[in-house]
Protein backbone atom coordinates (compact mmCIF):
# COMPACT_ATOMS: atom_id res chain seq x y z
CA MET A 1 249.03 141.01 272.02
CA THR A 2 249.60 144.04 270.06
CA LYS A 3 247.58 147.18 270.19
CA ARG A 4 245.94 146.95 266.70
CA LEU A 5 245.20 142.88 267.46
CA ALA A 6 243.50 144.04 270.91
CA LEU A 7 241.35 146.69 269.02
CA VAL A 8 240.39 143.96 266.56
CA ALA A 9 239.30 141.45 269.22
CA LEU A 10 237.33 144.00 271.23
CA SER A 11 235.58 145.26 268.30
CA PHE A 12 234.85 141.23 267.25
CA LEU A 13 233.54 140.86 270.82
CA PHE A 14 231.24 143.72 270.47
CA PHE A 15 229.23 141.79 267.57
CA VAL A 16 229.19 138.23 269.12
CA VAL A 17 225.69 138.89 270.15
CA PHE A 18 224.59 141.29 267.76
CA ALA A 19 225.51 138.87 264.74
CA LYS A 20 223.26 135.99 266.09
CA ALA A 21 220.63 138.22 266.45
CA GLN A 22 220.56 140.41 263.16
CA GLU A 23 218.42 139.26 260.15
CA PHE A 24 220.40 140.91 256.70
CA ALA A 25 217.17 142.40 254.44
CA GLU A 26 218.10 142.21 250.54
CA ASP A 27 220.09 144.89 249.17
CA PHE A 28 220.19 145.23 245.28
CA HIS A 29 223.20 147.58 245.63
CA SER A 30 225.70 144.87 247.14
CA TYR A 31 227.31 141.78 245.78
CA ALA A 32 227.84 140.76 249.52
CA GLU A 33 226.02 137.58 251.02
CA PRO A 34 226.31 138.74 254.74
CA ASN A 35 224.24 135.79 255.77
CA LYS A 36 226.87 133.34 254.43
CA VAL A 37 229.92 135.65 255.43
CA VAL A 38 230.13 138.89 256.87
CA VAL A 39 232.97 141.44 257.68
CA ARG A 40 232.84 142.82 261.19
CA HIS A 41 236.23 145.02 261.14
CA VAL A 42 238.45 146.63 258.62
CA ASP A 43 242.10 147.57 259.24
CA LEU A 44 243.50 149.77 256.59
CA ASP A 45 247.41 150.45 256.01
CA TRP A 46 247.36 152.91 253.15
CA GLN A 47 249.96 155.12 251.40
CA VAL A 48 248.62 158.41 249.80
CA ASN A 49 249.97 159.37 246.53
CA PHE A 50 249.19 162.48 245.18
CA SER A 51 251.41 162.44 242.19
CA SER A 52 249.63 159.66 240.72
CA LYS A 53 246.44 160.43 242.38
CA ILE A 54 245.85 156.98 243.90
CA ILE A 55 245.75 155.18 247.15
CA THR A 56 247.86 152.17 247.51
CA GLY A 57 247.95 149.68 250.41
CA PHE A 58 245.63 146.79 251.92
CA ALA A 59 242.90 145.93 253.76
CA THR A 60 242.66 143.13 256.19
CA LEU A 61 238.90 142.26 257.11
CA THR A 62 237.80 140.23 260.16
CA LEU A 63 235.11 137.88 259.41
CA GLU A 64 231.82 135.98 261.12
CA ARG A 65 231.16 133.07 259.20
CA PHE A 66 227.83 131.26 259.06
CA ASP A 67 228.50 128.95 256.00
CA LYS A 68 231.91 127.33 256.52
CA SER A 69 231.76 126.38 252.49
CA ALA A 70 231.09 129.89 251.29
CA PRO A 71 233.40 132.45 249.56
CA LEU A 72 233.77 135.92 250.74
CA MET A 73 231.86 138.25 248.45
CA LEU A 74 233.04 141.74 248.32
CA ASP A 75 232.18 145.02 246.58
CA THR A 76 234.68 146.76 244.63
CA ARG A 77 234.63 149.46 241.75
CA ASP A 78 237.33 150.23 239.66
CA LEU A 79 240.20 148.83 242.05
CA GLN A 80 243.66 147.02 240.96
CA ILE A 81 243.27 143.68 243.20
CA LYS A 82 247.55 142.69 243.56
CA ASP A 83 246.88 139.99 245.75
CA VAL A 84 244.49 138.41 248.59
CA LEU A 85 245.46 136.43 251.93
CA VAL A 86 244.06 134.46 254.29
CA SER A 87 244.67 133.26 257.90
CA LYS A 88 243.24 131.68 260.75
CA ASP A 89 244.61 134.22 263.50
CA GLY A 90 245.66 137.12 261.86
CA LYS A 91 249.12 136.88 262.22
CA ILE A 92 250.41 134.14 259.53
CA PHE A 93 248.90 134.50 256.26
CA LYS A 94 248.82 133.02 253.07
CA LYS A 95 247.66 133.31 249.35
CA THR A 96 244.46 132.25 248.38
CA THR A 97 242.48 132.07 245.07
CA PHE A 98 240.18 134.74 244.04
CA SER A 99 238.05 136.38 241.19
CA LEU A 100 236.96 139.56 240.02
CA GLY A 101 233.85 139.27 238.42
CA THR A 102 232.57 141.57 235.09
CA PRO A 103 231.69 145.14 236.14
CA ASP A 104 228.42 146.60 236.42
CA LYS A 105 227.82 150.68 235.60
CA ILE A 106 225.92 150.92 238.64
CA LEU A 107 227.39 148.24 241.28
CA GLY A 108 231.26 148.09 240.17
CA ALA A 109 232.63 144.25 240.23
CA PRO A 110 232.18 141.74 242.51
CA LEU A 111 235.65 140.13 244.22
CA LYS A 112 234.75 136.52 245.17
CA VAL A 113 237.73 135.04 247.57
CA ASP A 114 237.91 131.72 248.45
CA LEU A 115 238.27 130.81 251.90
CA ALA A 116 239.90 127.70 254.08
CA SER A 117 237.40 125.95 257.03
CA ASP A 118 239.04 128.27 259.70
CA THR A 119 239.66 131.64 257.81
CA LYS A 120 238.99 134.06 259.93
CA PHE A 121 240.83 136.99 258.44
CA VAL A 122 241.34 138.31 254.69
CA ARG A 123 244.18 140.62 253.30
CA VAL A 124 243.43 142.48 250.12
CA TYR A 125 246.53 144.09 248.49
CA TYR A 126 245.30 147.00 245.97
CA SER A 127 245.62 150.23 244.56
CA THR A 128 242.94 152.67 243.35
CA SER A 129 241.94 154.43 240.18
CA PRO A 130 242.89 158.16 239.64
CA ASN A 131 239.26 158.03 238.59
CA ALA A 132 237.50 156.72 241.96
CA SER A 133 234.41 157.64 242.51
CA GLY A 134 234.74 158.00 246.42
CA LEU A 135 237.97 160.03 245.97
CA GLN A 136 238.65 163.77 245.00
CA TRP A 137 241.97 164.89 244.13
CA LEU A 138 242.71 168.72 243.86
CA THR A 139 245.68 170.66 243.09
CA PRO A 140 246.94 173.61 244.91
CA GLU A 141 245.03 176.02 242.80
CA GLN A 142 241.96 174.48 243.55
CA THR A 143 241.97 175.00 247.30
CA ALA A 144 241.29 177.99 249.57
CA ASP A 145 245.09 178.48 250.37
CA LYS A 146 246.73 177.49 247.00
CA ARG A 147 249.66 176.07 248.58
CA TYR A 148 249.44 172.23 248.91
CA PRO A 149 247.25 169.69 246.99
CA PHE A 150 244.10 168.22 248.90
CA MET A 151 242.39 164.96 248.86
CA TYR A 152 239.18 163.84 250.48
CA SER A 153 236.72 160.65 250.26
CA GLN A 154 232.78 160.83 249.55
CA ALA A 155 231.40 157.23 250.33
CA GLN A 156 227.74 157.81 250.40
CA ALA A 157 225.84 155.83 249.11
CA ILE A 158 227.86 153.08 247.36
CA HIS A 159 231.22 154.87 246.62
CA ALA A 160 233.23 153.08 249.50
CA ARG A 161 234.09 150.52 247.17
CA SER A 162 235.90 152.32 245.03
CA PHE A 163 238.59 152.88 247.68
CA ILE A 164 238.09 150.01 249.87
CA PRO A 165 237.41 146.30 248.98
CA LEU A 166 234.54 145.53 251.31
CA GLN A 167 231.10 144.52 251.80
CA ASP A 168 229.31 148.20 250.84
CA SER A 169 225.98 147.95 252.18
CA PRO A 170 224.82 150.10 255.09
CA GLN A 171 223.19 146.98 256.82
CA ILE A 172 226.81 145.73 257.44
CA ARG A 173 227.79 147.78 260.41
CA ILE A 174 231.72 147.55 260.68
CA THR A 175 234.42 148.87 262.97
CA TYR A 176 237.82 150.16 261.45
CA SER A 177 241.10 151.39 261.77
CA ALA A 178 243.80 152.56 259.86
CA LYS A 179 247.24 153.52 259.39
CA VAL A 180 247.65 156.69 256.89
CA ARG A 181 250.80 157.95 255.31
CA THR A 182 250.74 161.18 253.51
CA PRO A 183 253.81 163.39 252.11
CA ARG A 184 255.13 166.18 254.23
CA ASN A 185 253.22 169.28 255.49
CA LEU A 186 249.98 167.59 255.11
CA LEU A 187 247.51 166.49 257.84
CA ALA A 188 244.97 163.06 257.48
CA VAL A 189 241.78 163.31 259.74
CA MET A 190 239.10 160.43 259.20
CA SER A 191 235.92 159.84 260.87
CA ALA A 192 237.57 157.89 263.63
CA GLU A 193 239.49 158.43 267.16
CA GLY A 194 242.85 160.08 266.79
CA ASN A 195 242.21 163.53 264.79
CA LEU A 196 243.07 165.31 267.83
CA GLU A 197 246.07 163.13 268.29
CA ASN A 198 247.30 163.69 265.02
CA SER A 199 246.65 167.76 264.62
CA LYS A 200 249.78 169.02 265.44
CA ARG A 201 251.80 166.65 263.05
CA ARG A 202 252.50 167.33 259.30
CA GLY A 203 252.74 164.49 257.39
CA GLY A 204 254.21 160.94 257.61
CA LEU A 205 252.47 158.19 259.40
CA TYR A 206 248.95 158.85 260.82
CA THR A 207 246.68 156.30 263.26
CA PHE A 208 243.06 156.26 263.68
CA LYS A 209 240.52 153.82 265.43
CA MET A 210 236.67 153.69 264.95
CA THR A 211 235.60 151.19 267.86
CA LYS A 212 231.99 151.87 267.11
CA PRO A 213 230.03 149.79 264.28
CA ILE A 214 229.27 152.03 261.54
CA PRO A 215 228.14 151.55 257.81
CA PRO A 216 230.68 151.52 255.34
CA TYR A 217 229.69 154.93 253.82
CA LEU A 218 230.79 157.08 256.85
CA ILE A 219 234.33 155.74 256.40
CA ALA A 220 236.03 158.98 255.75
CA ILE A 221 239.43 160.65 255.03
CA ALA A 222 240.70 163.85 253.93
CA VAL A 223 244.46 165.04 253.70
CA GLY A 224 245.71 168.24 253.22
CA GLU A 225 247.03 171.75 254.62
CA LEU A 226 244.54 171.77 257.98
CA GLY A 227 244.63 173.62 261.15
CA PHE A 228 242.47 173.17 264.20
CA ARG A 229 240.58 175.52 266.33
CA PRO A 230 238.33 174.17 269.11
CA LEU A 231 234.62 175.22 269.46
CA GLY A 232 233.84 173.49 272.85
CA LYS A 233 234.85 170.93 275.35
CA ARG A 234 233.49 168.24 272.77
CA CYS A 235 234.04 169.82 269.49
CA GLY A 236 236.09 171.77 267.15
CA VAL A 237 236.62 172.67 263.56
CA PHE A 238 239.50 171.74 261.08
CA ALA A 239 239.98 173.97 258.01
CA GLU A 240 242.63 175.37 255.53
CA PRO A 241 244.68 178.10 257.81
CA SER A 242 242.81 181.22 255.44
CA VAL A 243 239.28 179.76 256.45
CA LEU A 244 240.01 178.57 260.04
CA GLU A 245 238.99 181.69 262.07
CA LYS A 246 235.63 182.36 259.80
CA ALA A 247 234.78 178.90 260.22
CA ALA A 248 235.57 178.71 263.91
CA SER A 249 233.31 181.98 264.30
CA GLU A 250 230.19 180.77 262.15
CA PHE A 251 230.56 177.26 263.93
CA SER A 252 230.66 178.85 267.45
CA ASP A 253 227.46 177.50 268.51
CA THR A 254 228.22 173.90 267.82
CA GLU A 255 228.51 172.50 271.42
CA LYS A 256 225.07 174.44 272.14
CA MET A 257 223.61 172.17 269.34
CA MET A 258 225.10 169.31 270.86
CA GLU A 259 223.28 170.11 274.38
CA ALA A 260 220.00 170.92 272.87
CA ALA A 261 219.86 167.44 271.03
CA GLU A 262 221.20 165.64 273.78
CA ARG A 263 218.23 167.10 276.07
CA LEU A 264 215.84 165.85 273.35
CA TYR A 265 217.29 162.70 272.29
CA GLY A 266 219.68 161.41 274.58
CA PRO A 267 223.36 161.60 275.06
CA TYR A 268 225.76 162.04 272.21
CA ARG A 269 227.47 158.70 271.82
CA TRP A 270 230.46 159.23 269.58
CA GLY A 271 233.13 161.10 272.14
CA ARG A 272 234.02 164.35 269.90
CA TYR A 273 232.23 166.15 267.39
CA ASP A 274 234.56 168.14 264.85
CA ILE A 275 233.90 169.82 261.53
CA LEU A 276 235.90 169.65 258.78
CA VAL A 277 235.44 172.60 256.30
CA LEU A 278 236.68 171.42 252.51
CA PRO A 279 237.19 173.06 249.54
CA PRO A 280 234.18 174.50 247.35
CA SER A 281 234.22 171.27 244.95
CA PHE A 282 232.87 169.00 247.90
CA PRO A 283 229.46 168.12 246.35
CA PHE A 284 227.02 168.32 249.27
CA GLY A 285 226.40 170.89 251.81
CA GLY A 286 227.69 168.00 254.29
CA MET A 287 228.59 164.62 255.12
CA GLU A 288 227.94 163.11 258.58
CA ASN A 289 231.09 161.37 258.91
CA PRO A 290 230.59 160.30 262.51
CA MET A 291 233.30 162.38 264.72
CA LEU A 292 234.08 164.79 261.49
CA THR A 293 231.56 166.25 259.40
CA PHE A 294 232.49 167.45 256.32
CA ALA A 295 231.27 170.64 255.29
CA THR A 296 230.97 172.98 252.57
CA PRO A 297 232.43 176.50 252.85
CA THR A 298 229.46 177.69 250.83
CA ILE A 299 227.90 177.78 254.53
CA LEU A 300 230.12 180.31 255.88
CA ALA A 301 227.81 183.25 255.39
CA GLY A 302 229.12 185.57 258.38
CA ASP A 303 226.05 185.56 260.20
CA LYS A 304 225.24 181.89 261.05
CA SER A 305 222.49 182.07 258.82
CA LEU A 306 223.18 178.68 257.17
CA VAL A 307 224.36 176.90 260.07
CA SER A 308 221.18 174.60 259.62
CA VAL A 309 223.48 172.64 257.50
CA ILE A 310 225.52 171.44 260.67
CA ALA A 311 222.27 170.94 262.94
CA HIS A 312 221.21 168.47 260.28
CA GLU A 313 224.76 166.68 260.07
CA LEU A 314 224.99 167.04 263.88
CA ALA A 315 221.26 165.48 263.94
CA HIS A 316 222.92 162.57 262.07
CA SER A 317 224.82 161.32 265.17
CA TRP A 318 221.24 160.26 266.19
CA SER A 319 219.44 159.46 262.89
CA GLY A 320 221.71 157.79 260.13
CA ASN A 321 224.74 157.15 262.32
CA LEU A 322 223.18 155.52 265.29
CA VAL A 323 220.51 154.23 263.77
CA THR A 324 220.92 153.68 259.98
CA ASN A 325 218.88 152.69 256.91
CA ALA A 326 219.61 149.00 256.23
CA THR A 327 219.21 149.44 252.24
CA TRP A 328 219.14 152.71 250.32
CA ARG A 329 215.25 152.44 249.74
CA ASP A 330 214.86 153.21 253.51
CA PHE A 331 217.15 156.56 253.04
CA TRP A 332 214.05 158.79 254.42
CA LEU A 333 214.85 157.08 257.80
CA ASN A 334 218.31 158.46 257.75
CA GLU A 335 217.17 161.63 256.39
CA GLY A 336 213.52 162.45 257.34
CA PHE A 337 214.29 162.03 260.81
CA THR A 338 217.56 164.41 260.53
CA THR A 339 215.65 166.89 258.99
CA TYR A 340 212.92 166.98 261.89
CA ILE A 341 215.62 167.09 264.21
CA GLU A 342 217.51 169.57 262.82
CA ARG A 343 214.91 172.15 262.78
CA ARG A 344 214.04 171.11 266.70
CA ILE A 345 217.53 171.81 267.49
CA ILE A 346 217.53 175.34 265.32
CA GLU A 347 214.10 176.15 267.49
CA VAL A 348 216.26 175.69 270.67
CA LEU A 349 218.80 178.15 269.68
CA TYR A 350 217.38 180.50 267.15
CA GLY A 351 213.65 180.32 267.98
CA GLU A 352 210.52 179.14 267.10
CA ASN A 353 210.17 181.55 263.43
CA ARG A 354 213.29 180.46 262.74
CA ARG A 355 212.17 177.10 262.62
CA GLU A 356 209.14 177.86 260.61
CA MET A 357 210.62 179.68 258.40
CA GLU A 358 213.18 176.63 257.24
CA ALA A 359 210.17 174.53 257.17
CA MET A 360 208.11 176.72 254.80
CA LEU A 361 211.05 177.16 252.68
CA GLY A 362 211.37 173.14 252.63
CA LYS A 363 207.81 172.40 251.78
CA GLN A 364 207.80 175.04 249.32
CA GLY A 365 210.85 173.06 247.20
CA LEU A 366 209.49 169.82 247.85
CA LEU A 367 206.13 171.10 246.19
CA ARG A 368 208.03 172.56 243.37
CA GLU A 369 210.31 169.06 242.98
CA LEU A 370 207.07 166.85 243.32
CA SER A 371 205.42 168.33 240.21
CA SER A 372 208.61 167.38 238.22
CA LEU A 373 208.84 163.94 239.91
CA PRO A 374 207.10 160.71 238.66
CA PRO A 375 204.67 159.50 240.95
CA SER A 376 207.33 156.59 241.98
CA ASP A 377 210.29 158.71 242.63
CA GLN A 378 207.48 160.70 245.12
CA ILE A 379 207.29 157.61 247.42
CA LEU A 380 209.23 157.58 250.92
CA HIS A 381 209.87 154.08 250.67
CA VAL A 382 210.98 154.24 247.29
CA ASP A 383 212.03 151.52 244.80
CA LEU A 384 215.57 151.38 243.61
CA LYS A 385 216.15 148.27 242.35
CA GLY A 386 218.01 148.54 239.04
CA ARG A 387 218.75 152.41 239.65
CA ASP A 388 221.79 153.91 241.17
CA PRO A 389 220.98 154.73 244.87
CA ASP A 390 222.31 158.08 244.03
CA ASP A 391 218.81 159.00 242.66
CA ALA A 392 217.41 158.96 246.17
CA PHE A 393 218.83 162.11 246.81
CA THR A 394 215.80 163.64 246.13
CA GLY A 395 214.04 166.42 248.59
CA VAL A 396 211.66 163.47 249.17
CA PRO A 397 213.42 161.20 251.81
CA TYR A 398 214.05 164.92 253.54
CA GLU A 399 211.40 167.16 253.56
CA LYS A 400 208.67 164.65 252.90
CA GLY A 401 210.09 162.47 255.83
CA ALA A 402 210.52 165.62 257.91
CA LEU A 403 206.84 166.40 257.38
CA PHE A 404 205.44 162.96 258.32
CA LEU A 405 207.23 162.80 261.63
CA ARG A 406 205.89 166.56 262.18
CA TRP A 407 202.40 165.21 261.51
CA LEU A 408 203.18 162.44 264.22
CA GLU A 409 204.12 164.87 266.55
CA GLU A 410 201.07 167.22 265.90
CA LYS A 411 198.86 164.19 266.28
CA PHE A 412 200.00 162.70 269.28
CA GLY A 413 201.59 165.90 271.18
CA ARG A 414 205.06 167.01 271.11
CA GLU A 415 205.86 165.07 274.83
CA LYS A 416 204.44 161.83 273.62
CA PHE A 417 206.41 162.02 270.43
CA ASP A 418 209.86 163.16 272.16
CA LYS A 419 209.30 160.22 274.71
CA PHE A 420 208.61 157.77 271.58
CA LEU A 421 211.49 158.89 269.19
CA ARG A 422 214.07 158.54 272.28
CA SER A 423 212.87 155.11 272.77
CA TYR A 424 213.33 154.33 269.31
CA PHE A 425 217.02 155.71 269.04
CA ASP A 426 217.88 153.69 272.48
CA SER A 427 216.15 150.54 271.17
CA HIS A 428 218.11 150.80 267.84
CA ALA A 429 221.55 151.89 268.42
CA PHE A 430 224.11 150.75 266.11
CA LYS A 431 221.95 148.90 264.05
CA SER A 432 220.70 149.18 260.53
CA ILE A 433 217.01 148.62 260.01
CA THR A 434 214.39 148.69 257.47
CA THR A 435 211.35 150.99 256.67
CA GLU A 436 209.19 147.47 257.71
CA THR A 437 211.11 147.26 261.63
CA PHE A 438 210.35 150.92 261.83
CA VAL A 439 206.51 150.79 261.03
CA SER A 440 206.30 147.67 263.59
CA TYR A 441 208.03 149.61 266.16
CA LEU A 442 205.83 152.68 265.63
CA GLN A 443 202.63 150.60 265.64
CA LYS A 444 203.68 148.78 268.91
CA ASN A 445 205.18 151.69 270.79
CA LEU A 446 202.99 154.73 269.56
CA LEU A 447 199.88 153.64 267.91
CA GLU A 448 198.66 150.82 269.99
CA VAL A 449 199.66 152.82 273.00
CA TYR A 450 197.35 155.84 272.17
CA PRO A 451 194.72 153.72 270.32
CA GLY A 452 192.35 155.95 267.53
CA VAL A 453 194.81 158.74 266.97
CA VAL A 454 196.14 157.54 264.03
CA SER A 455 195.45 154.59 262.14
CA MET A 456 197.86 152.48 260.00
CA ALA A 457 195.69 153.06 256.71
CA GLU A 458 197.14 156.96 257.23
CA ILE A 459 200.84 155.57 257.94
CA GLU A 460 200.91 153.58 254.71
CA GLU A 461 199.71 156.71 252.86
CA TRP A 462 202.73 158.81 253.62
CA ILE A 463 205.01 156.18 253.17
CA GLU A 464 204.12 154.25 250.22
CA LYS A 465 201.83 156.45 248.23
CA ALA A 466 202.98 159.07 245.78
CA GLY A 467 202.77 162.77 246.70
CA LEU A 468 201.69 164.44 250.05
CA PRO A 469 198.48 163.71 252.12
CA LYS A 470 195.77 166.21 252.35
CA ASN A 471 196.52 166.76 255.92
CA ALA A 472 199.91 167.39 255.84
CA PRO A 473 201.54 169.83 258.29
CA SER A 474 201.74 173.55 256.80
CA PRO A 475 204.37 175.21 258.75
CA TYR A 476 203.63 179.18 258.84
CA SER A 477 205.91 182.40 259.73
CA GLU A 478 204.29 186.20 260.20
CA ASN A 479 207.66 186.90 258.84
CA PHE A 480 207.10 185.39 255.60
CA ALA A 481 203.59 187.14 255.09
CA LYS A 482 204.95 190.17 255.62
CA VAL A 483 207.41 189.69 253.19
CA GLU A 484 205.30 188.17 250.28
CA THR A 485 203.30 190.76 250.86
CA ASP A 486 205.96 193.36 249.64
CA ALA A 487 206.87 190.91 246.92
CA ARG A 488 203.37 190.71 245.30
CA LYS A 489 203.13 194.59 245.49
CA TYR A 490 206.14 194.68 243.73
CA LEU A 491 205.46 192.06 241.44
CA ASN A 492 202.18 193.93 240.40
CA GLY A 493 203.85 197.24 240.02
CA GLU A 494 202.24 198.84 243.18
CA ILE A 495 205.71 199.77 244.70
CA THR A 496 209.23 200.22 243.45
CA ALA A 497 212.29 198.62 244.57
CA SER A 498 213.12 201.60 246.55
CA GLU A 499 209.99 201.36 248.71
CA ILE A 500 210.91 197.65 249.90
CA ASN A 501 212.48 197.98 253.21
CA ALA A 502 214.83 194.91 253.60
CA LYS A 503 217.03 196.32 256.30
CA ASP A 504 216.68 193.71 258.98
CA TRP A 505 215.75 190.63 256.50
CA THR A 506 217.22 187.25 257.07
CA THR A 507 218.71 185.06 254.76
CA GLN A 508 215.49 182.83 254.78
CA GLU A 509 213.25 185.97 254.11
CA TRP A 510 215.36 187.04 251.30
CA LEU A 511 214.90 183.48 250.01
CA LYS A 512 210.94 183.80 250.22
CA PHE A 513 211.49 187.19 248.52
CA LEU A 514 212.97 186.08 245.75
CA ASP A 515 210.96 182.65 245.48
CA VAL A 516 207.55 184.92 244.68
CA PHE A 517 209.39 185.76 241.31
CA SER A 518 210.30 182.19 240.74
CA GLU A 519 208.65 182.20 237.05
CA GLY A 520 210.87 185.34 236.24
CA LEU A 521 211.02 189.11 235.95
CA THR A 522 211.92 191.31 232.79
CA ALA A 523 215.09 192.25 232.41
CA GLU A 524 214.59 195.54 233.52
CA ARG A 525 212.75 195.00 236.87
CA MET A 526 215.87 192.59 237.70
CA LYS A 527 217.91 195.45 237.19
CA GLU A 528 216.02 197.74 239.13
CA LEU A 529 216.13 195.08 242.28
CA ASP A 530 220.21 194.87 241.69
CA LEU A 531 220.82 198.15 241.84
CA ARG A 532 218.68 198.63 244.95
CA PHE A 533 219.99 195.33 246.58
CA ASN A 534 223.36 194.46 244.73
CA LEU A 535 222.10 190.59 244.75
CA THR A 536 224.21 189.93 241.73
CA LYS A 537 227.52 190.59 244.46
CA THR A 538 226.01 188.86 247.30
CA GLY A 539 228.35 187.10 249.37
CA ASN A 540 225.52 184.56 250.66
CA SER A 541 225.53 181.45 248.73
CA GLU A 542 222.03 180.66 249.25
CA ILE A 543 220.51 183.70 247.94
CA ALA A 544 222.94 184.20 245.17
CA PHE A 545 221.83 180.76 243.88
CA GLN A 546 218.50 181.63 244.17
CA TRP A 547 219.09 185.33 242.32
CA LEU A 548 221.21 183.52 239.42
CA MET A 549 218.42 180.92 238.85
CA LEU A 550 216.16 183.77 238.68
CA ALA A 551 218.62 185.48 236.22
CA ILE A 552 218.60 182.80 234.06
CA ARG A 553 214.52 182.56 233.70
CA SER A 554 214.59 186.21 232.99
CA ASN A 555 217.62 186.49 230.76
CA TYR A 556 219.22 189.08 232.69
CA ARG A 557 222.51 188.85 231.42
CA GLU A 558 224.21 191.11 233.49
CA ALA A 559 224.36 188.80 236.10
CA TYR A 560 226.12 185.83 233.50
CA GLY A 561 229.57 186.74 234.80
CA ARG A 562 228.64 186.20 238.46
CA LEU A 563 227.24 183.00 237.16
CA GLU A 564 229.88 181.59 235.46
CA ASP A 565 231.94 182.60 238.43
CA PHE A 566 229.83 180.79 240.32
CA LEU A 567 229.63 177.64 238.54
CA MET A 568 233.74 177.60 238.09
CA ASN A 569 234.00 177.84 242.03
CA ILE A 570 231.37 175.81 243.63
CA GLY A 571 230.75 172.32 243.14
CA ARG A 572 227.79 171.68 245.72
CA ARG A 573 225.36 169.67 243.70
CA LYS A 574 222.27 171.33 245.44
CA PHE A 575 223.49 174.45 243.38
CA VAL A 576 224.92 173.67 240.25
CA ARG A 577 222.55 171.03 239.25
CA PRO A 578 219.29 173.41 239.01
CA LEU A 579 221.29 176.01 237.29
CA TYR A 580 222.54 173.69 234.70
CA VAL A 581 219.41 172.36 234.27
CA GLU A 582 217.78 175.84 233.90
CA LEU A 583 220.50 176.64 231.64
CA ALA A 584 220.08 173.85 229.46
CA ARG A 585 216.12 174.71 228.54
CA THR A 586 217.06 177.09 225.84
CA PRO A 587 219.79 176.71 223.18
CA GLU A 588 221.53 179.71 223.68
CA GLY A 589 221.55 178.62 227.56
CA LYS A 590 222.71 174.86 226.71
CA GLU A 591 225.79 176.84 224.88
CA PHE A 592 226.88 178.65 227.59
CA ALA A 593 226.49 175.91 230.32
CA GLN A 594 228.59 173.69 227.83
CA ARG A 595 231.29 176.20 227.73
CA ILE A 596 231.29 176.68 231.44
CA TYR A 597 231.34 172.96 231.78
CA ALA A 598 234.45 172.45 229.78
CA LYS A 599 236.24 174.58 231.97
CA ALA A 600 234.94 173.49 235.50
CA ARG A 601 234.17 169.93 235.02
CA ASN A 602 237.88 168.84 236.47
CA ARG A 603 237.21 171.05 239.39
CA TYR A 604 233.99 168.90 240.45
CA HIS A 605 233.53 166.08 241.96
CA PRO A 606 233.25 162.65 240.23
CA ILE A 607 229.41 162.70 242.00
CA THR A 608 228.77 166.10 240.29
CA GLN A 609 230.70 165.11 236.96
CA ALA A 610 228.14 162.29 236.69
CA THR A 611 225.18 164.36 237.49
CA ILE A 612 226.02 167.24 234.78
CA ASP A 613 227.23 164.93 232.50
CA ALA A 614 223.80 163.15 232.15
CA ILE A 615 221.82 166.58 232.11
CA LEU A 616 223.89 168.05 229.57
CA ALA A 617 223.64 164.89 227.21
CA SER A 618 219.71 164.71 227.85
CA GLN A 619 218.76 168.23 227.28
């Protein structure tokens, strides 16, 4: 037996008991019919083609069948299906009939594969589209070092189907292996074992394996000119050469973060934890791909003030990767838990005050967002039927979810709640669950163990009702109280900018200070602050974003050169989306936004492009 077939066999055995016990929820965002035929392992064989901006090759799928008469239903988006073969033993394959259905704007197209009674393996030969929604192809000029092209994937929520024909539902956990061929001088890395073994090679054939079952959206790949620096015995960082040392310095506390999380919630079960710093077009702060977090370079502030992003992605190793939302309406199970755990890690490493400042900023942003969301989108257990699951990416699953868990901690006490969370992760390890499953576990293992503390009616209000309950936690920081006092005095004309002592302010204190002026200042007052603190030229991306939002509202034209540069060179949706929304509120601002976007659009990830296209079309 070859090593590859041995891996498939071992992965398949992992699921024997699991498959019999598993029940699948209805997933409106997948064509898969896992109660009839479910994919258990994906074996990829890829050629990465930068000239044509496509991946070509095949995917071999290992099946578990419950209905011998049912076809295999797969999710695809803009894939060119060349041929489909079936096999009973994974060695001898023969052609079968297949059909590609009518594409849906959100879901893509279903691929129906006819199976023989003894079929256990399906091999799909295909190529991706140059415009695949889950891949971004960068020219050398769009990278930090400007020497070689770069490609990376972003599969969450339902974009894996744009580069792999598979059952693209988070409840269908799979193992995977891959052979990846790249041009010379380029390193391939994936969310799997093999990155360290491959790290000294430059081009050619790379091999990977993920032996633990993961949801499809966690399959990830990047190819580019990359170097590596160790950060500890289990962790390290990959980045372009010019970024590598800065990233290694910024993320030097990663091993300590891992140790802090393990003390709280049990062992880290993924082997290594490495970080890949991507070019600035990456649409998110980070992506929790197992064993290889993808991170934006916008968190490289030089003072570790923005490393909560790394704490967040690491926390996903428990909430999200280990225990996963079964459908995208359960997304808060991933992000609410992770935001709560992130702040617990931050507290261990940087103190309670830092945790409270970040929690206050989080709640502050949530309250502002809730005021603009329809009631249906203020619910944790949000209804996404007929909608793009990317619509769930608001602050609600993150911040409202974290506040709910903090409320439970305050009600039951930290010691009892920590014990509950650890048992929750142990009991549901490597499983995907629904909100209903969580509530049932919560009721049995916390509410009934300590009766009279919390009612099911209160739980329902948090999860199924709009807005925040009146007794939601209120984080507090003495530092913020002092900063807000200075900001109010400046706003009321009681002090000048020169009288504000901001020498020792942290990033979080600056964000609180600027938020006091969220409705805008006069251009003259903006200029006074700018001359005093040089805010237009700040190298901190979070402060720059907040300042530029304020500049738009205040019509502070002297910052518009920096605004244009920011929008041209950063593709993180957290930043660019609100900036375009704010610009589009006025005819003059919209004209400026359209002019910038015409030049910047090709630099953005397809996910970001879709977001900004909608903003500028609707405003």
